Protein backbone atom coordinates (compact mmCIF):
# COMPACT_ATOMS: atom_id res chain seq x y z
CA MET A 1 109.96 104.70 94.99
CA ILE A 2 109.91 102.01 97.66
CA LEU A 3 112.84 99.63 97.34
CA ARG A 4 113.70 96.18 98.61
CA GLN A 5 116.89 94.53 97.45
CA THR A 6 117.70 90.88 96.76
CA GLU A 7 120.99 89.39 95.62
CA ASP A 8 120.06 89.68 91.93
CA SER A 9 117.33 92.30 91.73
CA PHE A 10 115.60 95.38 93.05
CA ILE A 11 111.96 95.06 94.12
CA MET A 12 110.53 98.46 93.17
CA ILE A 13 107.10 99.77 94.23
CA LYS A 14 105.66 103.10 93.19
CA GLN A 15 104.57 105.29 96.07
CA HIS A 16 101.09 105.81 94.59
CA ASP A 17 100.64 102.02 94.36
CA HIS A 18 101.64 101.73 98.00
CA ALA A 19 99.10 104.47 98.80
CA TYR A 20 96.41 102.40 97.08
CA LEU A 21 96.98 99.75 99.73
CA SER A 22 96.68 102.45 102.41
CA GLY A 23 93.28 103.40 101.05
CA GLU A 24 92.09 99.79 100.97
CA ILE A 25 93.34 99.30 104.54
CA THR A 26 91.38 102.35 105.69
CA LYS A 27 88.18 101.15 103.98
CA HIS A 28 88.22 98.08 106.23
CA PHE A 29 88.90 99.94 109.49
CA ASN A 30 86.40 99.52 112.33
CA THR A 31 84.96 103.04 112.66
CA SER A 32 83.58 102.26 116.14
CA LEU A 33 87.15 102.85 117.32
CA LEU A 34 86.82 106.49 116.23
CA LYS A 35 84.96 109.29 117.98
CA SER A 36 82.45 109.37 115.12
CA ASP A 37 82.12 108.36 111.47
CA ARG A 38 82.03 111.98 110.33
CA TYR A 39 84.49 112.81 107.52
CA PHE A 40 85.37 109.12 107.16
CA GLU A 41 84.94 109.13 103.38
CA GLU A 42 87.35 112.06 103.28
CA MET A 43 89.70 110.05 105.49
CA ILE A 44 89.61 107.18 102.99
CA TYR A 45 90.30 109.57 100.10
CA ALA A 46 93.30 110.99 101.98
CA ALA A 47 94.73 107.51 102.43
CA PHE A 48 94.35 106.66 98.74
CA GLN A 49 95.85 109.98 97.60
CA HIS A 50 98.44 110.81 100.26
CA ASP A 51 101.41 109.94 98.02
CA ARG A 52 100.14 111.38 94.75
CA SER A 53 103.07 113.83 95.00
CA TRP A 54 105.26 110.92 93.92
CA ILE A 55 103.46 110.13 90.67
CA GLY A 56 105.79 112.33 88.62
CA LEU A 57 108.92 111.48 90.61
CA ASP A 58 108.35 107.72 90.30
CA ASP A 59 107.65 107.85 86.58
CA THR A 60 111.38 107.63 85.88
CA PRO A 61 113.58 106.24 88.67
CA ILE A 62 117.03 107.75 89.09
CA TRP A 63 120.28 106.27 90.33
CA ASN A 64 121.96 107.06 93.65
CA ASP A 65 125.68 106.96 92.79
CA GLN A 66 126.75 107.24 96.42
CA ASP A 67 124.84 104.14 97.59
CA ASN A 68 124.91 102.36 94.21
CA ILE A 69 121.16 101.69 94.24
CA PRO A 70 118.11 103.55 92.89
CA TYR A 71 116.95 106.53 94.95
CA THR A 72 114.12 105.69 97.35
CA PHE A 73 111.45 107.79 99.05
CA SER A 74 113.66 108.17 102.13
CA ASP A 75 116.82 109.46 100.41
CA TYR A 76 115.45 111.18 97.29
CA PRO A 77 117.00 114.66 96.75
CA LEU A 78 115.24 117.11 99.04
CA ILE A 79 114.52 120.09 96.77
CA PRO A 80 112.59 118.27 93.99
CA LYS A 81 110.88 116.06 96.57
CA MET A 82 109.52 119.02 98.52
CA ALA A 83 108.45 120.81 95.33
CA PHE A 84 106.40 117.76 94.34
CA TYR A 85 104.99 117.46 97.87
CA LYS A 86 103.48 120.91 97.43
CA ILE A 87 102.12 120.04 93.97
CA GLY A 88 100.44 116.91 95.32
CA LEU A 89 98.93 118.72 98.29
CA ASP A 90 97.62 121.48 96.02
CA GLU A 91 95.93 118.87 93.83
CA ILE A 92 94.31 117.14 96.81
CA GLU A 93 93.12 120.48 98.19
CA GLN A 94 91.36 121.27 94.91
CA THR A 95 89.35 118.06 95.29
CA ASN A 96 88.82 117.69 99.02
CA PRO A 97 89.86 120.23 101.70
CA TYR A 98 89.58 117.82 104.66
CA SER A 99 91.69 115.19 102.89
CA ALA A 100 94.25 117.88 102.06
CA LEU A 101 94.38 118.90 105.73
CA LEU A 102 95.13 115.31 106.75
CA CYS A 103 97.80 114.89 104.09
CA SER A 104 99.37 118.22 105.01
CA LEU A 105 99.58 117.13 108.65
CA HIS A 106 101.14 113.87 107.47
CA PHE A 107 103.89 115.54 105.41
CA TYR A 108 104.40 118.23 108.05
CA SER A 109 105.28 115.52 110.58
CA PHE A 110 108.25 114.41 108.44
CA PHE A 111 110.21 117.63 108.94
CA THR A 112 109.45 118.91 112.44
CA GLN A 113 112.97 118.10 113.68
CA SER A 114 114.80 119.44 110.64
CA LYS A 115 116.94 122.59 110.83
CA LYS A 116 117.31 122.92 107.04
CA LYS A 117 115.98 126.18 105.67
CA GLU A 118 114.04 124.41 102.90
CA CYS A 119 112.25 122.26 105.47
CA ILE A 120 111.50 125.23 107.72
CA ALA A 121 110.02 127.10 104.76
CA PHE A 122 107.90 124.05 103.88
CA LEU A 123 106.63 123.83 107.47
CA GLN A 124 105.70 127.50 107.47
CA GLU A 125 103.74 127.18 104.22
CA GLU A 126 101.93 124.06 105.36
CA ALA A 127 101.04 125.67 108.70
CA LYS A 128 99.37 128.45 106.68
CA ARG A 129 97.56 125.87 104.55
CA GLN A 130 96.31 124.02 107.63
CA ALA A 131 95.05 127.20 109.30
CA SER A 132 93.26 128.24 106.11
CA LEU A 133 91.63 124.84 105.64
CA LYS A 134 90.46 124.66 109.25
CA LYS A 135 88.60 127.94 108.78
CA ILE A 136 86.51 126.63 105.88
CA LEU A 137 85.67 123.17 107.26
CA PRO A 138 82.29 123.12 109.03
CA GLY A 139 82.10 121.60 112.49
CA LEU A 140 85.76 120.61 112.58
CA ASP A 141 86.48 118.38 115.58
CA GLU A 142 90.17 118.52 116.56
CA GLU A 143 90.00 115.25 118.49
CA LEU A 144 88.51 113.39 115.53
CA LEU A 145 90.99 115.09 113.20
CA ASN A 146 93.84 113.76 115.34
CA GLN A 147 92.34 110.26 115.24
CA HIS A 148 92.12 110.45 111.46
CA PHE A 149 95.71 111.68 111.29
CA ARG A 150 96.86 108.71 113.37
CA LEU A 151 94.81 106.37 111.21
CA LEU A 152 96.43 107.82 108.09
CA GLN A 153 99.84 107.16 109.64
CA PHE A 154 98.84 103.60 110.56
CA SER A 155 97.48 102.81 107.08
CA ASP A 156 100.71 104.19 105.62
CA ASP A 157 102.84 102.10 107.99
CA LEU A 158 100.88 98.88 107.47
CA SER A 159 101.22 99.27 103.71
CA LEU A 160 104.95 99.96 104.08
CA TYR A 161 105.15 96.86 106.29
CA MET A 162 104.03 94.82 103.29
CA CYS A 163 106.34 96.65 100.88
CA LEU A 164 109.57 96.80 102.88
CA ASN A 165 109.52 93.29 104.33
CA GLU A 166 110.26 90.07 102.51
CA PRO A 167 106.94 88.15 102.67
CA GLY A 168 107.00 85.57 105.46
CA VAL A 169 109.95 87.16 107.27
CA LYS A 170 110.52 86.25 110.94
CA LYS A 171 109.64 88.93 113.47
CA ASP A 172 113.20 89.55 114.58
CA GLU A 173 114.29 89.95 110.94
CA GLU A 174 111.61 92.49 109.95
CA HIS A 175 112.44 95.98 108.77
CA PRO A 176 113.55 97.83 111.93
CA TRP A 177 110.70 100.34 111.69
CA PHE A 178 108.15 97.65 112.60
CA ARG A 179 109.79 95.16 114.98
CA ASN A 180 108.26 96.95 117.96
CA GLY A 181 104.84 97.47 116.42
CA PHE A 182 103.21 100.40 114.63
CA LYS A 183 103.88 103.80 116.17
CA ASN A 184 101.03 106.03 117.40
CA THR A 185 98.45 103.22 117.45
CA LYS A 186 97.81 102.86 121.18
CA PHE A 187 94.32 104.32 121.06
CA PHE A 188 93.29 101.77 118.36
CA ASN A 189 94.34 98.94 120.70
CA ASP A 190 91.87 97.39 123.16
CA ARG A 191 94.89 96.24 125.15
CA ASP A 192 97.96 98.20 126.22
CA GLY A 193 100.61 99.36 123.79
CA ARG A 194 100.99 99.60 120.04
CA LEU A 195 99.26 97.48 117.45
CA ASN A 196 101.63 94.83 116.18
CA GLY A 197 101.94 92.84 112.96
CA GLU A 198 103.41 89.43 112.23
CA TRP A 199 103.88 87.39 109.07
CA ILE A 200 102.18 83.98 109.45
CA ASN A 201 103.47 82.82 106.07
CA ASN A 202 104.30 84.34 102.67
CA GLU A 203 100.71 85.48 102.08
CA GLU A 204 99.14 86.17 105.49
CA ILE A 205 99.73 88.93 108.03
CA ARG A 206 98.24 88.76 111.51
CA ILE A 207 97.43 92.03 113.31
CA GLU A 208 97.11 91.78 117.09
CA SER A 209 94.08 93.52 118.66
CA PHE A 210 92.58 93.48 115.17
CA PRO A 211 91.18 96.99 114.44
CA PHE A 212 89.31 96.04 111.26
CA ILE A 213 85.77 94.90 110.52
CA SER A 214 86.88 91.54 109.09
CA ASP A 215 89.81 89.81 107.37
CA PHE A 216 90.59 91.28 103.95
CA SER A 217 92.88 90.82 100.96
CA LEU A 218 95.19 93.37 99.35
CA THR A 219 96.95 93.20 95.99
CA LEU A 220 100.28 94.97 95.57
CA GLN A 221 101.76 95.92 92.19
CA TYR A 222 105.54 95.98 91.83
CA LYS A 223 108.42 95.40 89.45
CA GLU A 224 111.41 93.14 89.98
CA VAL A 225 114.29 94.79 88.15
CA ALA A 226 117.31 92.58 87.45
CA LYS A 227 120.63 94.11 88.47
CA ARG A 228 122.25 92.81 85.30
CA ASP A 229 119.70 94.79 83.26
CA VAL A 230 120.54 97.93 85.24
CA GLU A 231 124.22 97.40 84.43
CA HIS A 232 123.48 96.97 80.72
CA MET A 233 120.91 99.69 80.08
CA GLY A 234 120.68 101.93 83.16
CA ILE A 235 118.00 102.10 85.82
CA ALA A 236 115.39 104.05 83.83
CA ALA A 237 115.34 101.67 80.85
CA ALA A 238 115.68 98.58 83.03
CA TYR A 239 112.69 99.65 85.10
CA GLU A 240 110.63 100.56 82.03
CA THR A 241 111.17 97.17 80.37
CA SER A 242 110.60 95.07 83.50
CA GLU A 243 107.31 93.22 83.83
CA LEU A 244 104.63 94.61 86.14
CA ARG A 245 103.78 91.95 88.73
CA GLU A 246 101.19 91.49 91.47
CA ARG A 247 101.21 89.87 94.88
CA THR A 248 98.14 89.33 97.12
CA PHE A 249 98.19 89.34 100.92
CA LEU A 250 95.55 88.50 103.52
CA VAL A 251 95.30 90.72 106.61
CA CYS A 252 93.75 88.66 109.39
CA LYS A 253 93.13 88.31 113.13
């Protein structure tokens, strides 16, 4: 679950709904910035599906007693999270091997600095998956694969930019992950440095060195869960009974 907190409520966004935005973002990407358009449909599928591991986990949110807020994607207990990561990757692999390779690389990157035995075991298993998938993919181009991997990361980050920031926030008050631009985007930029985003108002986001074909709109689904409801009925029931809402953003030059 992606979480943003206000004085009276929790803004809660399912990971798979966030991934839907990632897929829509990728659909509008200017493919002339890539080495070729080969495997681009598989790239789009990877973006749409990259967080399907969270479908089961987000079905019923759970409470983090230590921080006194619902668990989020960044602090969710490690063992169940990694078990569901594998389930999601297995499901993607059954449908599309190239998409599964991209998503495996994406999840692999989360744990490369970890010394925990569970993370090391996960890395070892995903390295085997990646090697196996590379053997069965015809004409695999490692340079293009790396571009797709970076594009998957960018689509993920741009979607998170919309989810984690209060719409219309000033640049110096953005979530700290994004104040200095989007990581690993230098080769999508016709100038020097990372691509950068900025809120023009509550509904429009400007992307410098615009890497898309044209301006486009995105609609995000979320729930605003009142803290008083959480106190009265618990997080699971409060989330279940809260109204599903939508918010539309324009991504522009």
